[in-house]
């Protein structure tokens, strides 16, 4: 007996080659898609039957770079100083917020960030975390929020020396390694774990060579990839040239930190030579258009040259329909050559990143037999014919998070008809608001 059967739905495969399959049935057993196709559910009994008539089924979207702690920053009321350049934005806003975070705040950050993502059609998130006052155990708290929501997630602690010197950097590395071991132990017990680990770092300009060496050891010993901001602003590049007399990417490569499971973020100030090295090493690069515009750090002109480009939000929520639209329009405003299919390909490539982070233990990103059942039902009434040849344009120009009707992760229906199936939304958001006010009061007393 199947767990879920979706009858008579239009399947839209969102990775190339894009494909539209009309009047399809989808059979889900446990956490995996068992059958897909016309009449595939004939004679199949299921615990839950969903009528997909007039609806569209897509693989769940992936946010390839997020900051879950930013969930409590929305509308933050603090007395911030001038923020006329990138470093001032970090010091006056984000670095005061992250120093105010504690265990309770992290948990509610993780819950509400996960819930918002799920309600907007995002089934997988790659988080990048910082809480200098609460390092040890912090990643387990974030993972608990993800798993209590039911989203598939990856997290890491961003190693840095910006507050406490090398002691802080050492503690950050230890937390990354501790969490990776925790996940390994759960896998060894046979758990179908929804969360995974990476080895995080803030940015090269807050990472001395000693910290990079420790991170390199952690990557090697844990078998995980590195997750790091690089060249988000030209400040990072100038710093590397001034203090290390080498390009950022060359410096990272010197510590064997560039590999096929490495996730680099932003890259707006990378050179063409550095992009070549990035591609040679097989690294992923997450592009975050909204955040780049908000922080006024410039546009990444080598974006079309990156072979493993993925799309993130850098903490601007988990709505990937919205992010992709803005990403596309910003690119065209800059005179870029890419079209909707190129950007939808980059968005769907987030599933390759997730597969890599999960040790290639599963297949993600397609509505197809043998793949994990991470999927979203859309109530999108197309005003024009929806075909395989124009499906990407429909995604960018027409589909939106408001079309999300049902979100399924790992074979569980998490969100249906505007409500979560297993969570007390009102209570969680009420507690999150209380936690946010407390964090704001603390952040307001912290000097930049």
Foldseek 3Di string as FASTA:
>chain_A
DFAEKEFQAWEWQLAPLTATAGGKMWTHHFQFTADIGHCRCVPPDHNYYHYRVLWYKFFFFEFEEAALLLQLVVVQDFPFDDQPALVSCCQRGVVLLLQLDDLLLLLLSLQVLLVQQLLLRHQEYEYEYGRLVYQAPSVVSSLVSNVVLPGQYEYAYAAFCVPPHVVSNVSRLVNQLVVLVVVVVCVVVVDPRRYFYAYHHEEPLRADPVSLLSSLVSCVVSVHAYEYEYCLACVRQVSCCVPPVDGPQVSSVVSVRAALLYEYERCQPPDPVSLVVNVVRNYEYEHAQVVSVVNVRHGRPCVVVRPQYAYHHHHPGNNVLVRLLSVQVVCVVVVHDDDLSVSSNRRLSSQVNSCVRVVVPAHGRGSRGRHGPFMWMFNFDDPDDCGSVCPSVCSNPPDTSVRTAWTDGSRDTQHHRHDGDNDDVVVSVVSNNVVSVSSSVSSNPDRD
